[in-house]
Amino acid sequence: MKIDSHHHLWDLSIRPQEWMVGDGMEPVSRNFSTDDLRSAIAGTGIEKTVLVHATTTYDETYELLEIAEKDSTVVAVVGWLQIDSPDAIAQCEKYLQAPGASYLKGIRDVAQDLPDSSYLAKPQSIATVRQLGKMGLTYDILTKTPELKAAIELVKACPDVQFVLDHISKPYIAKEELEPWKSLITELASYENVICKISGMVTEARWNAWEVDDFRPYVDHIISSFTPVRLMFGSDWPVALLAAPSYSEVVHLAEKLTVKFTESENELFWRETAISAYKITKL
């Protein structure tokens, strides 16, 4: 059994996705339900998934927990908190009293593209994440290259927290730009409490013209920095449909980029690391 450690669902009649602006959004400008998810993963070997918030609203996380409670495909939820807010932990405690609360395994805030690139290193952000760790929750890091320095400061300040880096921190693949992303990744990966998702890459490449080799310099560096022991697969579906024709295409890309993994490394990448990182108990 394989696990997808990162995907989204949404109903645009309940809540618009504010990031859906500009040209080329047609593939994702519709509702995506668990029925759509099951159809998408059919034949790929993926059987269970981790559902991640897509908006910065508290209401969405409650809805995701309810989905997880009702649908056996979803085995964990990564919800949203505004971590620089003094009431963030109080909001999280409300999540833990809600229906489906046992599926809340991680928390994420959106640091990428914020005007303040040091958001993750703010004293309140650090204090919140430390407390989340004490509550047994994983923290997902969503950054691009400009925010990686602050992510490193956050990790350094929270040695007892399990971190997961989303989307290999979205390097500028379309520009074929490696530095300073490469050096910052090396530093971040030096902290053993950080795991990385090989996910969300196709949308950072040329949407309609990427090739597998476009990703190799980035993924090879991720593999050498984190080692296969601290990597896991994520689809970033349905966002990935902006640059890939299907869910299976994203799976095939990951397979090609990790083709040198041993059998035991594949077990970790496709299943075991997600289970341990998110403390998944219901499979």
Protein backbone atom coordinates (compact mmCIF):
# COMPACT_ATOMS: atom_id res chain seq x y z
CA MET A 1 0.00 0.00 0.00
CA LYS A 2 1.25 3.47 -0.94
CA ILE A 3 0.34 6.74 0.78
CA ASP A 4 0.02 10.17 -0.82
CA SER A 5 1.27 12.58 1.84
CA HIS A 6 -0.17 15.74 0.29
CA HIS A 7 -3.37 16.54 -1.58
CA HIS A 8 -6.30 18.92 -1.40
CA LEU A 9 -10.08 18.90 -1.82
CA TRP A 10 -12.43 21.83 -2.27
CA ASP A 11 -15.99 22.86 -3.00
CA LEU A 12 -16.04 26.24 -4.72
CA SER A 13 -19.70 26.74 -3.83
CA ILE A 14 -18.71 26.77 -0.15
CA ARG A 15 -15.43 28.62 -0.38
CA PRO A 16 -13.58 30.18 -3.33
CA GLN A 17 -9.89 29.47 -3.76
CA GLU A 18 -8.36 32.94 -3.82
CA TRP A 19 -5.13 31.70 -5.42
CA MET A 20 -7.01 30.75 -8.59
CA VAL A 21 -6.15 33.88 -10.53
CA GLY A 22 -4.64 34.39 -13.95
CA ASP A 23 -4.61 32.29 -17.08
CA GLY A 24 -4.53 28.50 -17.16
CA MET A 25 -6.66 27.81 -14.08
CA GLU A 26 -9.33 25.85 -15.96
CA PRO A 27 -8.08 22.37 -14.91
CA VAL A 28 -8.65 23.15 -11.22
CA SER A 29 -11.59 25.57 -11.37
CA ARG A 30 -14.17 23.03 -10.27
CA ASN A 31 -15.09 21.04 -7.19
CA PHE A 32 -12.89 18.13 -6.09
CA SER A 33 -14.37 15.54 -3.71
CA THR A 34 -13.20 12.23 -2.25
CA ASP A 35 -15.03 10.50 -5.10
CA ASP A 36 -12.84 12.42 -7.54
CA LEU A 37 -9.81 11.47 -5.47
CA ARG A 38 -10.60 7.76 -5.60
CA SER A 39 -11.10 7.97 -9.34
CA ALA A 40 -7.78 9.78 -9.75
CA ILE A 41 -5.71 7.32 -7.69
CA ALA A 42 -7.19 4.20 -9.28
CA GLY A 43 -4.44 2.01 -10.71
CA THR A 44 -1.57 4.03 -9.21
CA GLY A 45 -0.98 1.93 -6.10
CA ILE A 46 -1.98 4.83 -3.86
CA GLU A 47 -4.58 3.66 -1.35
CA LYS A 48 -4.45 6.16 1.52
CA THR A 49 -3.88 9.90 1.65
CA VAL A 50 -3.05 12.91 3.82
CA LEU A 51 -5.49 15.78 3.26
CA VAL A 52 -3.98 19.28 3.52
CA HIS A 53 -5.78 22.60 3.88
CA ALA A 54 -5.94 24.82 0.78
CA THR A 55 -7.17 28.09 2.30
CA THR A 56 -6.25 30.21 5.30
CA THR A 57 -9.59 29.77 7.06
CA TYR A 58 -10.34 27.92 10.28
CA ASP A 59 -13.67 26.65 8.93
CA GLU A 60 -11.95 24.62 6.22
CA THR A 61 -9.96 22.57 8.73
CA TYR A 62 -13.14 21.53 10.56
CA GLU A 63 -14.59 20.41 7.22
CA LEU A 64 -11.47 18.38 6.40
CA LEU A 65 -11.64 16.60 9.77
CA GLU A 66 -15.24 15.64 9.06
CA ILE A 67 -14.23 14.28 5.66
CA ALA A 68 -11.47 12.19 7.24
CA GLU A 69 -13.88 10.77 9.81
CA LYS A 70 -16.32 9.69 7.09
CA ASP A 71 -13.96 8.53 4.34
CA SER A 72 -11.42 5.77 4.94
CA THR A 73 -9.19 6.92 2.07
CA VAL A 74 -8.07 9.93 4.14
CA VAL A 75 -5.92 8.84 7.10
CA ALA A 76 -4.59 12.21 8.30
CA VAL A 77 -5.30 15.93 8.05
CA VAL A 78 -2.90 18.88 8.03
CA GLY A 79 -4.93 21.87 9.15
CA TRP A 80 -4.31 25.60 9.13
CA LEU A 81 -3.36 27.97 11.92
CA GLN A 82 -2.14 31.55 11.83
CA ILE A 83 0.96 30.80 13.86
CA ASP A 84 1.91 34.41 14.61
CA SER A 85 -1.44 34.93 16.34
CA PRO A 86 -1.49 34.80 20.17
CA ASP A 87 -4.69 32.74 20.03
CA ALA A 88 -3.35 30.11 17.64
CA ILE A 89 -3.06 27.38 20.27
CA ALA A 90 -6.56 28.13 21.57
CA GLN A 91 -7.83 27.67 18.01
CA CYS A 92 -5.93 24.40 17.71
CA GLU A 93 -7.45 23.14 20.95
CA LYS A 94 -10.88 23.78 19.42
CA TYR A 95 -9.90 21.58 16.48
CA LEU A 96 -9.02 18.83 18.93
CA GLN A 97 -12.54 18.91 20.37
CA ALA A 98 -14.24 18.73 16.96
CA PRO A 99 -15.65 15.73 15.07
CA GLY A 100 -12.79 13.88 13.41
CA ALA A 101 -10.21 15.44 15.74
CA SER A 102 -8.21 12.20 15.94
CA TYR A 103 -7.24 12.72 12.29
CA LEU A 104 -5.54 16.07 12.93
CA LYS A 105 -1.88 15.11 12.65
CA GLY A 106 -0.25 18.28 11.41
CA ILE A 107 -0.52 22.05 11.17
CA ARG A 108 0.61 24.42 8.44
CA ASP A 109 0.65 28.14 7.85
CA VAL A 110 1.40 29.81 4.53
CA ALA A 111 4.80 31.51 4.60
CA GLN A 112 5.51 31.55 0.86
CA ASP A 113 5.31 34.94 -0.85
CA LEU A 114 4.51 36.85 2.33
CA PRO A 115 5.76 40.46 2.42
CA ASP A 116 7.62 39.52 5.61
CA SER A 117 10.03 36.77 4.57
CA SER A 118 11.00 36.28 8.22
CA TYR A 119 7.45 35.34 9.26
CA LEU A 120 8.42 31.84 10.42
CA ALA A 121 11.16 33.23 12.67
CA LYS A 122 8.92 35.69 14.54
CA PRO A 123 8.92 35.05 18.31
CA GLN A 124 5.18 34.26 18.37
CA SER A 125 5.50 31.91 15.39
CA ILE A 126 8.28 30.02 17.16
CA ALA A 127 6.35 29.89 20.44
CA THR A 128 3.27 28.51 18.66
CA VAL A 129 5.20 25.82 16.82
CA ARG A 130 6.97 24.75 20.00
CA GLN A 131 3.60 24.28 21.65
CA LEU A 132 2.25 22.35 18.66
CA GLY A 133 5.17 19.95 19.08
CA LYS A 134 4.27 19.45 22.75
CA MET A 135 0.74 18.62 21.57
CA GLY A 136 2.17 15.86 19.37
CA LEU A 137 1.49 17.64 16.09
CA THR A 138 3.79 17.86 13.09
CA TYR A 139 4.46 21.22 11.46
CA ASP A 140 4.49 21.53 7.66
CA ILE A 141 6.77 24.22 6.21
CA LEU A 142 5.41 25.96 3.10
CA THR A 143 8.10 28.21 1.67
CA LYS A 144 9.83 29.35 -1.46
CA THR A 145 13.53 30.24 -1.51
CA PRO A 146 13.16 33.73 0.08
CA GLU A 147 11.56 32.25 3.21
CA LEU A 148 14.00 29.38 3.71
CA LYS A 149 16.33 31.32 6.03
CA ALA A 150 13.45 31.94 8.42
CA ALA A 151 12.42 28.28 8.16
CA ILE A 152 15.93 27.29 9.24
CA GLU A 153 15.69 29.65 12.22
CA LEU A 154 12.34 28.11 13.19
CA VAL A 155 13.69 24.57 12.98
CA LYS A 156 16.79 25.54 14.96
CA ALA A 157 14.57 27.01 17.70
CA CYS A 158 12.29 23.93 17.86
CA PRO A 159 14.49 20.83 18.16
CA ASP A 160 11.68 18.73 19.61
CA VAL A 161 9.19 19.38 16.79
CA GLN A 162 8.75 17.10 13.78
CA PHE A 163 8.90 19.26 10.64
CA VAL A 164 7.87 18.39 7.09
CA LEU A 165 9.08 20.55 4.20
CA ASP A 166 6.39 20.78 1.53
CA HIS A 167 7.13 20.72 -2.21
CA ILE A 168 10.94 20.75 -1.78
CA SER A 169 10.42 24.47 -0.98
CA LYS A 170 9.33 25.29 -4.52
CA PRO A 171 12.63 26.05 -6.26
CA TYR A 172 12.53 28.12 -9.44
CA ILE A 173 12.63 25.14 -11.79
CA ALA A 174 11.28 27.02 -14.80
CA LYS A 175 14.22 29.44 -14.49
CA GLU A 176 16.68 26.55 -13.98
CA GLU A 177 17.83 28.40 -10.85
CA LEU A 178 19.60 26.32 -8.19
CA GLU A 179 21.20 28.85 -5.85
CA PRO A 180 20.59 30.00 -3.18
CA TRP A 181 17.92 27.29 -2.84
CA LYS A 182 20.52 24.52 -3.00
CA SER A 183 22.72 25.85 -0.20
CA LEU A 184 19.75 26.65 2.02
CA ILE A 185 18.33 23.14 1.52
CA THR A 186 21.68 21.66 2.56
CA GLU A 187 21.52 23.66 5.78
CA LEU A 188 17.88 22.85 6.49
CA ALA A 189 18.43 19.15 5.87
CA SER A 190 21.24 19.10 8.43
CA TYR A 191 18.53 19.11 11.11
CA GLU A 192 17.40 15.53 11.61
CA ASN A 193 13.87 16.53 12.68
CA VAL A 194 13.03 17.73 9.14
CA ILE A 195 11.46 15.46 6.52
CA CYS A 196 10.86 16.53 2.93
CA LYS A 197 7.98 15.84 0.56
CA ILE A 198 8.91 15.24 -3.06
CA SER A 199 5.77 16.99 -4.24
CA GLY A 200 4.44 20.12 -5.90
CA MET A 201 7.22 20.31 -8.48
CA VAL A 202 5.40 20.31 -11.80
CA THR A 203 3.75 23.65 -11.12
CA GLU A 204 7.19 25.20 -10.53
CA ALA A 205 8.36 24.05 -13.98
CA ARG A 206 7.17 25.19 -17.40
CA TRP A 207 3.57 24.03 -17.16
CA ASN A 208 3.14 22.75 -20.69
CA ALA A 209 6.71 21.96 -21.63
CA TRP A 210 8.53 20.19 -18.79
CA GLU A 211 10.59 17.04 -19.09
CA VAL A 212 11.71 14.61 -16.40
CA ASP A 213 15.30 15.85 -16.65
CA ASP A 214 14.17 19.35 -15.65
CA PHE A 215 13.64 18.07 -12.12
CA ARG A 216 16.74 15.90 -11.69
CA PRO A 217 19.17 18.55 -10.39
CA TYR A 218 16.65 19.52 -7.71
CA VAL A 219 15.52 16.05 -6.67
CA ASP A 220 19.06 14.66 -6.75
CA HIS A 221 20.10 17.39 -4.32
CA ILE A 222 17.09 16.69 -2.11
CA ILE A 223 17.97 12.98 -2.05
CA SER A 224 21.62 13.63 -1.21
CA SER A 225 20.71 16.21 1.46
CA PHE A 226 17.86 14.44 3.26
CA THR A 227 18.75 10.86 2.22
CA PRO A 228 15.90 8.52 1.19
CA VAL A 229 15.19 7.86 4.89
CA ARG A 230 13.67 11.36 5.27
CA LEU A 231 11.67 11.64 2.06
CA MET A 232 8.06 10.89 1.14
CA PHE A 233 5.79 11.15 -1.87
CA GLY A 234 3.12 13.80 -2.24
CA SER A 235 0.98 14.48 -5.30
CA ASP A 236 -0.23 18.03 -4.59
CA TRP A 237 -3.33 16.94 -6.53
CA PRO A 238 -5.46 18.58 -7.85
CA VAL A 239 -3.16 21.64 -8.00
CA ALA A 240 -0.72 19.49 -9.99
CA LEU A 241 -3.30 19.26 -12.79
CA LEU A 242 -2.25 22.77 -13.80
CA ALA A 243 0.95 21.26 -15.20
CA ALA A 244 0.30 17.52 -15.47
CA PRO A 245 -2.46 15.74 -17.39
CA SER A 246 -3.36 13.33 -14.59
CA TYR A 247 -2.63 12.10 -11.08
CA SER A 248 -0.88 9.05 -12.49
CA GLU A 249 1.56 11.28 -14.40
CA VAL A 250 2.71 12.80 -11.09
CA VAL A 251 3.18 9.32 -9.63
CA HIS A 252 5.19 8.23 -12.67
CA LEU A 253 7.40 11.31 -12.39
CA ALA A 254 8.22 10.48 -8.77
CA GLU A 255 8.96 6.89 -9.74
CA LYS A 256 11.38 7.99 -12.44
CA LEU A 257 13.19 10.41 -10.15
CA THR A 258 13.62 7.81 -7.39
CA VAL A 259 14.38 4.84 -9.63
CA LYS A 260 17.66 4.15 -7.81
CA PHE A 261 15.96 3.65 -4.45
CA THR A 262 16.35 0.21 -2.89
CA GLU A 263 13.33 -1.84 -1.88
CA SER A 264 13.60 -0.66 1.72
CA GLU A 265 14.02 2.97 0.62
CA ASN A 266 10.90 2.66 -1.54
CA GLU A 267 8.98 1.34 1.47
CA LEU A 268 9.98 4.47 3.37
CA PHE A 269 9.30 6.86 0.50
CA TRP A 270 5.89 5.51 -0.47
CA ARG A 271 4.53 4.58 2.96
CA GLU A 272 6.51 4.30 6.18
CA THR A 273 7.89 7.84 6.46
CA ALA A 274 4.42 9.35 6.09
CA ILE A 275 3.10 6.99 8.76
CA SER A 276 5.84 7.95 11.21
CA ALA A 277 5.92 11.68 10.42
CA TYR A 278 2.18 12.08 10.90
CA LYS A 279 1.75 9.40 13.57
CA ILE A 280 -0.87 7.67 11.41
CA THR A 281 -2.67 4.90 13.29
CA LYS A 282 -5.78 4.26 11.20
CA LEU A 283 -4.98 2.48 7.93
